[in-house]
């Protein structure tokens, strides 16, 4: 389970809260962390408020690893495989259409990539409504007094 610390910046009446997190622990193992501009920047996340946290509370926000993997596959792998499949189809159809194989492959690849993004956009609404894909505030982190 992926977990990030954050601070609740506002709450909503439907059991959700907006949490501001700093991208740190999610980037620890990344090979590009030194050149990435996202590392260390604030990000706002709408999460289900299971811990009943209030504005200003430090909280732990969690999302299931399986959910994170599914979303990563949808966002990154599906478009790439679609583009490759489109290029292969375009290359295969080039002789039958009597056009340049490279041109046909390029058109097929970019066309399939565009279709993949449209499919992702169509499924985005369903995914957003499903609570299984929504981060959750799992606990409030108590303030530690300084000595």
Protein backbone atom coordinates (compact mmCIF):
# COMPACT_ATOMS: atom_id res chain seq x y z
CA UNK A 1 0.00 0.00 0.00
CA UNK A 2 1.36 3.42 -1.02
CA UNK A 3 1.23 5.99 1.74
CA UNK A 4 1.99 9.69 1.82
CA UNK A 5 1.83 12.24 4.60
CA UNK A 6 -0.08 15.44 4.08
CA UNK A 7 -2.07 18.24 5.68
CA UNK A 8 -5.82 18.60 5.31
CA UNK A 9 -6.52 21.95 3.63
CA UNK A 10 -10.32 21.68 3.37
CA UNK A 11 -13.11 19.21 4.09
CA UNK A 12 -16.26 18.43 2.15
CA UNK A 13 -19.71 17.41 3.39
CA UNK A 14 -19.72 14.10 1.51
CA UNK A 15 -16.99 12.47 3.64
CA UNK A 16 -14.03 13.64 1.61
CA UNK A 17 -11.19 16.03 2.27
CA UNK A 18 -8.54 17.81 0.23
CA UNK A 19 -5.02 16.98 1.37
CA UNK A 20 -1.84 18.79 0.37
CA UNK A 21 1.09 16.38 0.10
CA UNK A 22 4.73 16.85 -0.79
CA UNK A 23 5.99 14.31 -3.32
CA UNK A 24 8.83 12.66 -1.48
CA UNK A 25 8.51 8.97 -0.60
CA UNK A 26 6.87 8.01 -3.90
CA UNK A 27 9.97 9.26 -5.71
CA UNK A 28 12.62 7.58 -3.53
CA UNK A 29 13.36 4.64 -5.86
CA UNK A 30 13.05 6.50 -9.15
CA UNK A 31 16.11 6.69 -11.39
CA UNK A 32 15.10 10.16 -12.60
CA UNK A 33 14.53 11.69 -9.17
CA UNK A 34 17.51 14.07 -9.51
CA UNK A 35 16.29 15.55 -12.78
CA UNK A 36 12.55 15.44 -12.08
CA UNK A 37 10.76 18.71 -11.39
CA UNK A 38 7.84 17.05 -9.57
CA UNK A 39 9.94 15.92 -6.62
CA UNK A 40 9.47 18.12 -3.58
CA UNK A 41 6.50 20.05 -4.99
CA UNK A 42 3.12 20.31 -3.34
CA UNK A 43 0.20 18.37 -4.77
CA UNK A 44 -3.49 18.43 -3.75
CA UNK A 45 -5.40 15.16 -3.49
CA UNK A 46 -9.10 14.59 -2.82
CA UNK A 47 -9.36 11.60 -0.47
CA UNK A 48 -12.06 9.71 1.38
CA UNK A 49 -11.89 10.94 4.98
CA UNK A 50 -12.08 7.64 6.92
CA UNK A 51 -10.19 9.14 9.88
CA UNK A 52 -12.58 12.12 10.22
CA UNK A 53 -9.67 14.54 9.97
CA UNK A 54 -10.22 18.28 10.21
CA UNK A 55 -8.55 21.22 8.50
CA UNK A 56 -4.93 21.55 9.60
CA UNK A 57 -4.53 17.90 10.70
CA UNK A 58 -1.44 15.99 9.55
CA UNK A 59 -2.71 12.77 7.99
CA UNK A 60 -1.61 9.59 6.27
CA UNK A 61 -3.14 9.14 2.80
CA UNK A 62 -3.13 5.61 1.38
CA UNK A 63 -3.97 3.90 -1.89
CA UNK A 64 -3.81 0.16 -2.57
CA UNK A 65 -0.78 -1.03 -4.55
CA UNK A 66 -2.96 -3.04 -6.93
CA UNK A 67 -4.99 0.05 -7.73
CA UNK A 68 -1.84 2.05 -8.36
CA UNK A 69 -0.52 -0.63 -10.72
CA UNK A 70 -3.81 -0.79 -12.65
CA UNK A 71 -3.90 2.96 -13.08
CA UNK A 72 -0.24 3.05 -14.16
CA UNK A 73 -0.87 0.36 -16.77
CA UNK A 74 -3.87 2.25 -18.10
CA UNK A 75 -2.06 5.59 -18.22
CA UNK A 76 1.35 4.47 -19.53
CA UNK A 77 1.36 0.96 -21.04
CA UNK A 78 -2.01 0.93 -22.85
CA UNK A 79 -1.19 3.96 -25.07
CA UNK A 80 2.25 2.56 -25.96
CA UNK A 81 0.87 -0.87 -26.90
CA UNK A 82 -1.93 0.81 -28.87
CA UNK A 83 0.58 2.87 -30.82
CA UNK A 84 2.71 -0.20 -31.60
CA UNK A 85 -0.35 -2.21 -32.68
CA UNK A 86 -1.53 0.65 -34.91
CA UNK A 87 1.90 0.93 -36.52
CA UNK A 88 1.98 -2.82 -37.21
CA UNK A 89 -1.52 -2.74 -38.71
CA UNK A 90 -0.61 0.28 -40.82
CA UNK A 91 2.55 -1.40 -42.05
CA UNK A 92 0.62 -4.59 -42.89
CA UNK A 93 -2.09 -2.71 -44.81
CA UNK A 94 0.36 -0.52 -46.79
CA UNK A 95 0.78 -2.92 -49.75
CA UNK A 96 -2.98 -3.45 -50.06
CA UNK A 97 -3.58 0.33 -49.98
CA UNK A 98 -0.63 0.93 -52.33
CA UNK A 99 0.97 3.60 -50.13
CA UNK A 100 4.35 4.00 -48.51
CA UNK A 101 4.80 1.54 -45.63
CA UNK A 102 6.45 4.15 -43.38
CA UNK A 103 3.66 6.65 -43.96
CA UNK A 104 0.98 4.03 -43.38
CA UNK A 105 2.75 2.83 -40.23
CA UNK A 106 3.02 6.37 -38.87
CA UNK A 107 -0.61 7.15 -39.57
CA UNK A 108 -1.72 3.84 -38.02
CA UNK A 109 0.46 4.31 -34.95
CA UNK A 110 -0.56 7.88 -34.19
CA UNK A 111 -4.18 7.12 -35.04
CA UNK A 112 -4.23 4.22 -32.57
CA UNK A 113 -2.52 6.42 -29.96
CA UNK A 114 -5.27 9.03 -30.37
CA UNK A 115 -7.94 6.34 -30.03
CA UNK A 116 -6.22 5.04 -26.87
CA UNK A 117 -6.35 8.52 -25.30
CA UNK A 118 -10.04 8.83 -26.20
CA UNK A 119 -10.72 5.43 -24.56
CA UNK A 120 -8.84 6.49 -21.42
CA UNK A 121 -10.81 9.74 -21.33
CA UNK A 122 -14.10 7.82 -21.62
CA UNK A 123 -13.18 5.49 -18.75
CA UNK A 124 -11.90 8.35 -16.59
CA UNK A 125 -15.42 9.25 -15.41
CA UNK A 126 -16.21 5.69 -14.34
CA UNK A 127 -12.90 5.37 -12.55
CA UNK A 128 -13.38 8.66 -10.68
CA UNK A 129 -16.76 7.48 -9.37
CA UNK A 130 -15.38 4.15 -8.11
CA UNK A 131 -14.20 4.46 -4.49
CA UNK A 132 -11.71 1.61 -5.01
CA UNK A 133 -9.60 4.03 -7.06
CA UNK A 134 -9.82 6.92 -4.61
CA UNK A 135 -7.11 7.60 -2.01
CA UNK A 136 -8.17 7.31 1.65
CA UNK A 137 -7.13 9.19 4.76
CA UNK A 138 -6.27 6.23 6.97
CA UNK A 139 -5.13 8.02 10.14
CA UNK A 140 -4.34 11.31 11.77
CA UNK A 141 -0.67 11.76 12.68
CA UNK A 142 -0.38 13.26 16.16
CA UNK A 143 1.76 16.36 16.61
CA UNK A 144 4.95 15.59 18.51
CA UNK A 145 5.85 18.33 21.01
CA UNK A 146 9.33 19.79 20.60
CA UNK A 147 11.64 19.59 23.59
